[in-house]
C-alpha cells in the first residue's frame, strides 16, 4: 500500500505525517477530561501524548487522574512493537461499564518508561473526551485509541484500507 497524500497543516495544526516512527512521547499540560455514564471519570493537566506517524495523538493519563473505582482490571493483553505488553482495563462511570476500553503498560519498553502505569482510553467508548474543552473525535477502527482534535490533520490510520500504512 502506498502512503496517502497528507493534508497540509494550517498554522497552529500538526500533521500526523510529521510524527516520528518509532513514536515520540511528550508531556501534555492541556486539560483532559473523560466522561462516562454521566460522570467525569478522569481529569488532569499532567499527561503524556504518544505521537506516531499516521496516528492522531494517544493520551496517557496518570492513574491518579481517574476517579476511585473508574478503572477495573480486565482480561487479556496485547503487544506493541514499541511500548511492549499492554494490560487492559474496564472503564466504569455511573452505571456504565466500557469493557477493555482502557489500557496501560505496567512495564514499558526502554524509551517509554514514563508511561508506566499511565492509562489511555478509547475515546469512542466514552461519552465524551475533551482536550482544553474541545470534544475529540475517535480514531476510526476498533484497535487504535487516537484523539482527533482541530489541531491535527491526517489522513489517519485506522479506517478501512489503511492497515498497510
N, C-alpha and C. Protein backbone atom coordinates (compact mmCIF):
# COMPACT_ATOMS: atom_id res chain seq x y z
N UNK A 1 0.85 -1.18 0.00
CA UNK A 1 0.00 0.00 0.00
C UNK A 1 0.89 1.24 0.00
N UNK A 2 0.52 2.23 -0.75
CA UNK A 2 1.30 3.45 -0.81
C UNK A 2 0.83 4.44 0.24
N UNK A 3 1.73 5.29 0.62
CA UNK A 3 1.42 6.33 1.59
C UNK A 3 0.44 7.33 0.97
N UNK A 4 -0.59 7.71 1.71
CA UNK A 4 -1.55 8.69 1.17
C UNK A 4 -0.95 10.09 1.16
N UNK A 5 -1.60 10.99 0.47
CA UNK A 5 -1.16 12.37 0.45
C UNK A 5 -1.60 13.05 1.74
N UNK A 6 -0.65 13.57 2.52
CA UNK A 6 -1.01 14.26 3.76
C UNK A 6 -1.82 15.52 3.49
N UNK A 7 -2.75 15.81 4.39
CA UNK A 7 -3.49 17.07 4.35
C UNK A 7 -2.53 18.15 4.84
N UNK A 8 -2.40 19.26 4.12
CA UNK A 8 -1.49 20.31 4.59
C UNK A 8 -1.97 20.88 5.94
N UNK A 9 -1.03 21.03 6.86
CA UNK A 9 -1.34 21.60 8.17
C UNK A 9 -1.41 23.12 8.07
N UNK A 10 -2.46 23.69 8.63
CA UNK A 10 -2.60 25.14 8.71
C UNK A 10 -1.82 25.64 9.92
N UNK A 11 -1.62 26.94 10.04
CA UNK A 11 -0.94 27.46 11.24
C UNK A 11 -1.66 26.97 12.51
N UNK A 12 -0.86 26.51 13.46
CA UNK A 12 -1.42 26.02 14.72
C UNK A 12 -1.84 24.56 14.68
N UNK A 13 -1.67 23.91 13.53
CA UNK A 13 -2.02 22.49 13.41
C UNK A 13 -0.76 21.65 13.26
N UNK A 14 -0.91 20.36 13.52
CA UNK A 14 0.15 19.38 13.31
C UNK A 14 -0.35 18.35 12.30
N UNK A 15 0.53 17.90 11.42
CA UNK A 15 0.21 16.80 10.53
C UNK A 15 0.70 15.51 11.17
N UNK A 16 -0.15 14.51 11.23
CA UNK A 16 0.28 13.24 11.80
C UNK A 16 1.36 12.58 10.93
N UNK A 17 1.52 13.08 9.72
CA UNK A 17 2.56 12.54 8.85
C UNK A 17 3.93 13.13 9.16
N UNK A 18 3.96 14.13 10.06
CA UNK A 18 5.24 14.65 10.56
C UNK A 18 5.64 14.00 11.87
N UNK A 19 4.76 13.17 12.45
CA UNK A 19 5.09 12.46 13.67
C UNK A 19 6.10 11.35 13.34
N UNK A 20 6.94 10.99 14.29
CA UNK A 20 8.01 10.01 14.02
C UNK A 20 7.56 8.56 14.14
N UNK A 21 8.42 7.71 13.67
CA UNK A 21 8.31 6.27 13.86
C UNK A 21 9.71 5.79 14.17
N UNK A 22 10.04 5.24 15.32
CA UNK A 22 9.14 4.92 16.41
C UNK A 22 8.51 6.16 17.04
N UNK A 23 7.39 5.95 17.75
CA UNK A 23 6.65 7.08 18.32
C UNK A 23 7.44 7.86 19.36
N UNK A 24 7.08 9.12 19.45
CA UNK A 24 7.66 10.03 20.46
C UNK A 24 6.63 10.20 21.58
N UNK A 25 7.12 10.29 22.81
CA UNK A 25 6.28 10.59 23.96
C UNK A 25 6.63 12.00 24.41
N UNK A 26 5.59 12.82 24.60
CA UNK A 26 5.85 14.18 25.09
C UNK A 26 4.85 14.54 26.17
N UNK A 27 5.30 15.40 27.06
CA UNK A 27 4.46 15.91 28.15
C UNK A 27 3.29 16.69 27.57
N UNK A 28 2.16 16.64 28.23
CA UNK A 28 0.96 17.36 27.81
C UNK A 28 0.36 18.06 29.02
N UNK A 29 0.20 19.38 28.93
CA UNK A 29 -0.38 20.15 30.02
C UNK A 29 -1.78 20.66 29.70
N UNK A 30 -2.32 20.23 28.56
CA UNK A 30 -3.72 20.58 28.22
C UNK A 30 -4.63 19.92 29.25
N UNK A 31 -5.80 20.52 29.49
CA UNK A 31 -6.75 19.88 30.39
C UNK A 31 -7.47 18.77 29.63
N UNK A 32 -7.34 17.55 30.12
CA UNK A 32 -8.00 16.38 29.54
C UNK A 32 -9.12 15.97 30.48
N UNK A 33 -10.32 15.78 29.93
CA UNK A 33 -11.47 15.35 30.72
C UNK A 33 -12.12 14.18 30.00
N UNK A 34 -12.43 13.13 30.77
CA UNK A 34 -13.09 11.94 30.23
C UNK A 34 -14.38 11.74 30.99
N UNK A 35 -15.49 11.58 30.24
CA UNK A 35 -16.80 11.39 30.84
C UNK A 35 -17.40 10.07 30.39
N UNK A 36 -18.03 9.38 31.33
CA UNK A 36 -18.70 8.12 31.04
C UNK A 36 -19.85 7.95 32.03
N UNK A 37 -20.99 7.50 31.56
CA UNK A 37 -22.13 7.25 32.44
C UNK A 37 -22.60 8.50 33.15
N UNK A 38 -22.42 9.66 32.49
CA UNK A 38 -22.86 10.92 33.08
C UNK A 38 -21.93 11.45 34.16
N UNK A 39 -20.77 10.85 34.32
CA UNK A 39 -19.80 11.28 35.34
C UNK A 39 -18.46 11.62 34.70
N UNK A 40 -17.73 12.51 35.36
CA UNK A 40 -16.34 12.74 34.99
C UNK A 40 -15.54 11.61 35.63
N UNK A 41 -14.95 10.75 34.81
CA UNK A 41 -14.17 9.63 35.35
C UNK A 41 -12.69 9.94 35.43
N UNK A 42 -12.25 11.00 34.71
CA UNK A 42 -10.85 11.40 34.79
C UNK A 42 -10.71 12.86 34.38
N UNK A 43 -9.76 13.52 35.04
CA UNK A 43 -9.43 14.91 34.71
C UNK A 43 -7.98 15.15 35.12
N UNK A 44 -7.23 15.80 34.21
CA UNK A 44 -5.83 16.11 34.53
C UNK A 44 -5.30 17.20 33.62
N UNK A 45 -4.25 17.85 34.08
CA UNK A 45 -3.45 18.76 33.25
C UNK A 45 -2.00 18.28 33.24
N UNK A 46 -1.81 17.01 33.56
CA UNK A 46 -0.47 16.43 33.60
C UNK A 46 -0.54 15.04 32.99
N UNK A 47 -0.34 14.96 31.68
CA UNK A 47 -0.45 13.69 30.96
C UNK A 47 0.70 13.59 29.96
N UNK A 48 0.61 12.59 29.09
CA UNK A 48 1.59 12.37 28.03
C UNK A 48 0.84 12.11 26.74
N UNK A 49 1.42 12.60 25.63
CA UNK A 49 0.91 12.30 24.30
C UNK A 49 1.90 11.37 23.62
N UNK A 50 1.39 10.33 22.99
CA UNK A 50 2.22 9.47 22.16
C UNK A 50 1.91 9.82 20.72
N UNK A 51 2.95 10.20 19.99
CA UNK A 51 2.81 10.68 18.62
C UNK A 51 3.52 9.72 17.67
N UNK A 52 2.74 9.11 16.78
CA UNK A 52 3.27 8.13 15.84
C UNK A 52 2.76 8.44 14.44
N UNK A 53 3.63 8.29 13.46
CA UNK A 53 3.28 8.56 12.07
C UNK A 53 1.93 7.96 11.72
N UNK A 54 1.07 8.78 11.14
CA UNK A 54 -0.25 8.45 10.61
C UNK A 54 -1.34 8.28 11.67
N UNK A 55 -1.00 8.48 12.94
CA UNK A 55 -1.98 8.32 14.02
C UNK A 55 -2.24 9.64 14.73
N UNK A 56 -3.50 9.94 15.05
CA UNK A 56 -3.74 11.07 15.93
C UNK A 56 -3.14 10.76 17.31
N UNK A 57 -2.84 11.78 18.11
CA UNK A 57 -2.23 11.53 19.41
C UNK A 57 -3.06 10.60 20.28
N UNK A 58 -2.37 9.73 21.00
CA UNK A 58 -2.99 8.93 22.06
C UNK A 58 -2.55 9.55 23.37
N UNK A 59 -3.51 9.83 24.24
CA UNK A 59 -3.22 10.49 25.52
C UNK A 59 -3.18 9.46 26.64
N UNK A 60 -2.14 9.55 27.46
CA UNK A 60 -1.96 8.67 28.62
C UNK A 60 -2.05 9.54 29.86
N UNK A 61 -3.02 9.22 30.71
CA UNK A 61 -3.27 9.97 31.93
C UNK A 61 -2.70 9.22 33.13
N UNK A 62 -2.20 9.95 34.12
CA UNK A 62 -1.75 9.25 35.33
C UNK A 62 -2.94 8.55 35.98
N UNK A 63 -2.70 7.40 36.54
CA UNK A 63 -3.77 6.62 37.16
C UNK A 63 -4.52 7.44 38.20
N UNK A 64 -3.82 8.31 38.91
CA UNK A 64 -4.47 9.11 39.95
C UNK A 64 -5.42 10.18 39.39
N UNK A 65 -5.41 10.39 38.07
CA UNK A 65 -6.35 11.32 37.45
C UNK A 65 -7.75 10.72 37.36
N UNK A 66 -7.86 9.40 37.56
CA UNK A 66 -9.14 8.72 37.44
C UNK A 66 -9.85 8.67 38.79
N UNK A 67 -11.17 8.78 38.75
CA UNK A 67 -11.98 8.69 39.96
C UNK A 67 -11.83 7.31 40.57
N UNK A 68 -11.99 7.24 41.88
CA UNK A 68 -11.94 5.96 42.58
C UNK A 68 -12.97 5.01 41.96
N UNK A 69 -12.53 3.79 41.65
CA UNK A 69 -13.42 2.78 41.09
C UNK A 69 -13.65 2.88 39.59
N UNK A 70 -13.08 3.88 38.93
CA UNK A 70 -13.31 4.06 37.49
C UNK A 70 -12.53 3.08 36.63
N UNK A 71 -11.51 2.47 37.19
CA UNK A 71 -10.69 1.51 36.43
C UNK A 71 -10.73 0.16 37.13
N UNK A 72 -11.09 -0.86 36.35
CA UNK A 72 -11.14 -2.23 36.88
C UNK A 72 -10.31 -3.13 35.97
N UNK A 73 -9.49 -4.01 36.54
CA UNK A 73 -8.70 -4.92 35.70
C UNK A 73 -9.61 -5.72 34.76
N UNK A 74 -9.13 -5.95 33.55
CA UNK A 74 -9.87 -6.73 32.55
C UNK A 74 -8.95 -7.82 32.01
N UNK A 75 -9.54 -8.84 31.45
CA UNK A 75 -8.77 -9.94 30.88
C UNK A 75 -8.08 -9.50 29.60
N UNK A 76 -6.99 -10.18 29.28
CA UNK A 76 -6.32 -10.01 28.01
C UNK A 76 -5.14 -9.07 28.05
N UNK A 77 -4.37 -9.14 26.99
CA UNK A 77 -3.18 -8.30 26.81
C UNK A 77 -2.93 -8.17 25.32
N UNK A 78 -2.13 -7.20 24.96
CA UNK A 78 -1.70 -7.07 23.56
C UNK A 78 -0.25 -6.60 23.58
N UNK A 79 0.36 -6.63 22.41
CA UNK A 79 1.77 -6.30 22.30
C UNK A 79 1.96 -5.15 21.32
N UNK A 80 2.67 -4.13 21.74
CA UNK A 80 3.08 -3.03 20.86
C UNK A 80 4.56 -3.19 20.58
N UNK A 81 4.93 -3.13 19.31
CA UNK A 81 6.33 -3.30 18.96
C UNK A 81 7.23 -2.26 19.60
N UNK A 82 6.67 -1.12 20.01
CA UNK A 82 7.48 -0.05 20.61
C UNK A 82 7.37 -0.02 22.13
N UNK A 83 6.15 -0.11 22.64
CA UNK A 83 5.93 0.11 24.08
C UNK A 83 5.91 -1.17 24.90
N UNK A 84 5.74 -2.33 24.27
CA UNK A 84 5.75 -3.59 25.00
C UNK A 84 4.35 -4.13 25.23
N UNK A 85 4.19 -4.87 26.35
CA UNK A 85 2.93 -5.54 26.64
C UNK A 85 1.96 -4.62 27.37
N UNK A 86 0.75 -4.52 26.81
CA UNK A 86 -0.32 -3.72 27.40
C UNK A 86 -1.27 -4.61 28.17
N UNK A 87 -1.74 -4.10 29.31
CA UNK A 87 -2.79 -4.75 30.09
C UNK A 87 -4.06 -3.92 29.92
N UNK A 88 -5.22 -4.58 29.93
CA UNK A 88 -6.48 -3.88 29.68
C UNK A 88 -7.25 -3.60 30.95
N UNK A 89 -8.10 -2.57 30.85
CA UNK A 89 -8.92 -2.13 31.97
C UNK A 89 -10.33 -1.86 31.48
N UNK A 90 -11.32 -2.22 32.29
CA UNK A 90 -12.68 -1.75 32.06
C UNK A 90 -12.76 -0.35 32.65
N UNK A 91 -13.46 0.55 31.98
CA UNK A 91 -13.67 1.89 32.49
C UNK A 91 -15.12 1.97 32.96
N UNK A 92 -15.31 2.45 34.20
CA UNK A 92 -16.63 2.47 34.82
C UNK A 92 -17.00 3.91 35.17
N UNK A 93 -18.20 4.32 34.76
CA UNK A 93 -18.74 5.63 35.11
C UNK A 93 -20.22 5.52 35.33
N UNK A 94 -20.70 5.92 36.51
CA UNK A 94 -22.12 5.74 36.82
C UNK A 94 -22.46 4.27 36.74
N UNK A 95 -23.50 3.93 36.00
CA UNK A 95 -23.89 2.53 35.85
C UNK A 95 -23.37 1.93 34.54
N UNK A 96 -22.48 2.64 33.86
CA UNK A 96 -21.96 2.19 32.56
C UNK A 96 -20.58 1.57 32.74
N UNK A 97 -20.37 0.43 32.10
CA UNK A 97 -19.06 -0.21 32.05
C UNK A 97 -18.64 -0.27 30.58
N UNK A 98 -17.49 0.29 30.27
CA UNK A 98 -16.91 0.20 28.93
C UNK A 98 -15.83 -0.88 28.99
N UNK A 99 -16.15 -2.09 28.51
CA UNK A 99 -15.21 -3.20 28.65
C UNK A 99 -13.94 -3.00 27.83
N UNK A 100 -12.82 -3.24 28.48
CA UNK A 100 -11.49 -3.19 27.83
C UNK A 100 -11.26 -1.88 27.08
N UNK A 101 -11.85 -0.81 27.57
CA UNK A 101 -11.73 0.49 26.90
C UNK A 101 -10.51 1.28 27.36
N UNK A 102 -9.80 0.78 28.35
CA UNK A 102 -8.57 1.41 28.82
C UNK A 102 -7.42 0.42 28.76
N UNK A 103 -6.22 0.95 28.68
CA UNK A 103 -5.04 0.08 28.70
C UNK A 103 -3.87 0.81 29.33
N UNK A 104 -2.93 0.02 29.78
CA UNK A 104 -1.75 0.55 30.46
C UNK A 104 -0.56 -0.35 30.15
N UNK A 105 0.62 0.18 30.33
CA UNK A 105 1.86 -0.58 30.16
C UNK A 105 2.54 -0.67 31.52
N UNK A 106 2.29 -1.74 32.28
CA UNK A 106 2.88 -1.84 33.61
C UNK A 106 4.41 -1.84 33.60
N UNK A 107 5.00 -2.42 32.55
CA UNK A 107 6.47 -2.50 32.43
C UNK A 107 6.85 -2.15 30.99
N UNK A 108 6.76 -0.85 30.62
CA UNK A 108 7.01 -0.49 29.21
C UNK A 108 8.46 -0.71 28.79
N UNK A 109 8.63 -0.82 27.50
CA UNK A 109 9.95 -1.00 26.90
C UNK A 109 10.82 0.23 27.13
N UNK A 110 12.15 0.06 27.02
CA UNK A 110 13.05 1.21 27.17
C UNK A 110 12.66 2.35 26.22
N UNK A 111 12.69 3.55 26.75
CA UNK A 111 12.31 4.74 26.00
C UNK A 111 10.88 5.17 26.27
N UNK A 112 10.10 4.28 26.88
CA UNK A 112 8.69 4.58 27.16
C UNK A 112 8.37 4.44 28.66
N UNK A 113 9.40 4.50 29.47
CA UNK A 113 9.24 4.29 30.91
C UNK A 113 8.27 5.28 31.56
N UNK A 114 8.15 6.49 31.02
CA UNK A 114 7.25 7.48 31.62
C UNK A 114 5.78 7.04 31.54
N UNK A 115 5.49 6.07 30.68
CA UNK A 115 4.11 5.59 30.55
C UNK A 115 3.76 4.51 31.58
N UNK A 116 4.74 4.09 32.38
CA UNK A 116 4.48 3.02 33.36
C UNK A 116 3.28 3.40 34.22
N UNK A 117 2.27 2.56 34.16
CA UNK A 117 1.05 2.70 34.95
C UNK A 117 0.17 3.87 34.54
N UNK A 118 0.52 4.62 33.50
CA UNK A 118 -0.39 5.62 32.95
C UNK A 118 -1.46 4.89 32.15
N UNK A 119 -2.62 5.52 31.97
CA UNK A 119 -3.76 4.86 31.34
C UNK A 119 -4.25 5.65 30.14
N UNK A 120 -4.45 4.95 29.03
CA UNK A 120 -5.08 5.51 27.83
C UNK A 120 -6.47 4.91 27.71
N UNK A 121 -7.37 5.65 27.07
CA UNK A 121 -8.72 5.13 26.85
C UNK A 121 -9.12 5.30 25.39
N UNK A 122 -10.04 4.45 24.97
CA UNK A 122 -10.63 4.55 23.63
C UNK A 122 -11.69 5.65 23.70
N UNK A 123 -11.47 6.79 23.06
CA UNK A 123 -12.44 7.87 23.18
C UNK A 123 -13.81 7.50 22.63
N UNK A 124 -13.87 6.61 21.64
CA UNK A 124 -15.15 6.21 21.08
C UNK A 124 -16.00 5.37 22.04
N UNK A 125 -15.38 4.83 23.08
CA UNK A 125 -16.11 4.03 24.07
C UNK A 125 -16.59 4.89 25.24
N UNK A 126 -16.19 6.15 25.28
CA UNK A 126 -16.58 7.06 26.35
C UNK A 126 -17.76 7.92 25.89
N UNK A 127 -18.44 8.56 26.83
CA UNK A 127 -19.49 9.51 26.46
C UNK A 127 -18.87 10.72 25.77
N UNK A 128 -17.74 11.16 26.34
CA UNK A 128 -17.09 12.36 25.81
C UNK A 128 -15.68 12.45 26.36
N UNK A 129 -14.75 12.86 25.50
CA UNK A 129 -13.38 13.19 25.91
C UNK A 129 -13.09 14.58 25.36
N UNK A 130 -12.43 15.40 26.16
CA UNK A 130 -12.10 16.74 25.70
C UNK A 130 -10.63 17.06 25.94
N UNK A 131 -10.10 17.91 25.08
CA UNK A 131 -8.76 18.47 25.22
C UNK A 131 -8.94 19.98 25.28
N UNK A 132 -8.63 20.57 26.43
CA UNK A 132 -8.85 22.01 26.64
C UNK A 132 -10.25 22.44 26.21
N UNK A 133 -11.24 21.62 26.55
CA UNK A 133 -12.64 21.94 26.28
C UNK A 133 -13.14 21.52 24.91
N UNK A 134 -12.27 21.15 23.99
CA UNK A 134 -12.69 20.72 22.66
C UNK A 134 -13.03 19.23 22.68
N UNK A 135 -14.22 18.89 22.23
CA UNK A 135 -14.64 17.49 22.17
C UNK A 135 -13.85 16.79 21.06
N UNK A 136 -13.28 15.64 21.38
CA UNK A 136 -12.47 14.92 20.41
C UNK A 136 -13.32 13.95 19.61
N UNK A 137 -12.85 13.61 18.43
CA UNK A 137 -13.40 12.52 17.63
C UNK A 137 -12.47 11.33 17.80
N UNK A 138 -13.04 10.15 17.80
CA UNK A 138 -12.24 8.94 17.96
C UNK A 138 -11.60 8.55 16.64
N UNK A 139 -10.40 8.01 16.72
CA UNK A 139 -9.74 7.43 15.55
C UNK A 139 -10.58 6.27 15.07
N UNK A 140 -10.74 6.13 13.76
CA UNK A 140 -11.54 5.05 13.20
C UNK A 140 -10.95 3.69 13.55
N UNK A 141 -11.78 2.68 13.45
CA UNK A 141 -11.36 1.31 13.71
C UNK A 141 -11.50 0.99 15.18
N UNK A 142 -11.39 -0.25 15.51
CA UNK A 142 -11.58 -0.65 16.90
C UNK A 142 -10.31 -0.96 17.64
N UNK A 143 -9.15 -0.63 17.07
CA UNK A 143 -7.90 -1.04 17.68
C UNK A 143 -7.10 0.12 18.24
N UNK A 144 -7.06 1.23 17.55
CA UNK A 144 -6.22 2.36 17.96
C UNK A 144 -7.01 3.34 18.81
N UNK A 145 -6.34 4.07 19.66
CA UNK A 145 -7.02 4.96 20.60
C UNK A 145 -6.70 6.42 20.42
N UNK A 146 -6.50 6.88 19.18
CA UNK A 146 -6.15 8.28 18.95
C UNK A 146 -7.31 9.23 19.20
N UNK A 147 -6.95 10.43 19.63
CA UNK A 147 -7.91 11.51 19.89
C UNK A 147 -7.73 12.56 18.81
N UNK A 148 -8.75 12.80 18.00
CA UNK A 148 -8.68 13.76 16.90
C UNK A 148 -9.29 15.08 17.36
N UNK A 149 -8.49 16.13 17.26
CA UNK A 149 -8.95 17.49 17.55
C UNK A 149 -8.70 18.34 16.31
N UNK A 150 -9.14 19.60 16.38
CA UNK A 150 -8.90 20.52 15.26
C UNK A 150 -7.42 20.83 15.09
N UNK A 151 -6.60 20.43 16.06
CA UNK A 151 -5.16 20.72 16.00
C UNK A 151 -4.36 19.71 15.22
N UNK A 152 -4.99 18.63 14.73
CA UNK A 152 -4.26 17.63 13.96
C UNK A 152 -4.98 17.34 12.64
N UNK A 153 -4.17 17.07 11.62
CA UNK A 153 -4.72 16.72 10.31
C UNK A 153 -4.11 15.40 9.86
N UNK A 154 -4.81 14.69 8.98
CA UNK A 154 -4.41 13.37 8.53
C UNK A 154 -4.03 13.33 7.07
N UNK A 155 -4.47 12.29 6.41
CA UNK A 155 -5.42 11.26 6.83
C UNK A 155 -4.85 10.39 7.95
N UNK A 156 -5.78 9.75 8.69
CA UNK A 156 -5.43 8.97 9.87
C UNK A 156 -5.56 7.49 9.60
N UNK A 157 -4.61 6.72 10.11
CA UNK A 157 -4.69 5.27 10.04
C UNK A 157 -5.85 4.79 10.92
N UNK A 158 -6.43 3.66 10.55
CA UNK A 158 -7.47 3.05 11.37
C UNK A 158 -8.72 2.68 10.59
N UNK A 159 -9.04 3.45 9.58
CA UNK A 159 -10.24 3.16 8.79
C UNK A 159 -9.98 2.06 7.77
N UNK A 160 -11.02 1.67 7.04
CA UNK A 160 -10.87 0.64 6.01
C UNK A 160 -9.78 1.01 5.00
N UNK A 161 -8.95 0.03 4.66
CA UNK A 161 -7.91 0.23 3.66
C UNK A 161 -6.64 0.90 4.16
N UNK A 162 -6.52 1.12 5.46
CA UNK A 162 -5.34 1.83 5.99
C UNK A 162 -4.35 0.92 6.71
N UNK A 163 -4.64 -0.36 6.80
CA UNK A 163 -3.81 -1.27 7.61
C UNK A 163 -2.34 -1.24 7.20
N UNK A 164 -2.04 -1.13 5.93
CA UNK A 164 -0.66 -1.19 5.47
C UNK A 164 0.12 0.11 5.53
N UNK A 165 -0.47 1.16 6.06
CA UNK A 165 0.24 2.44 6.11
C UNK A 165 1.39 2.37 7.08
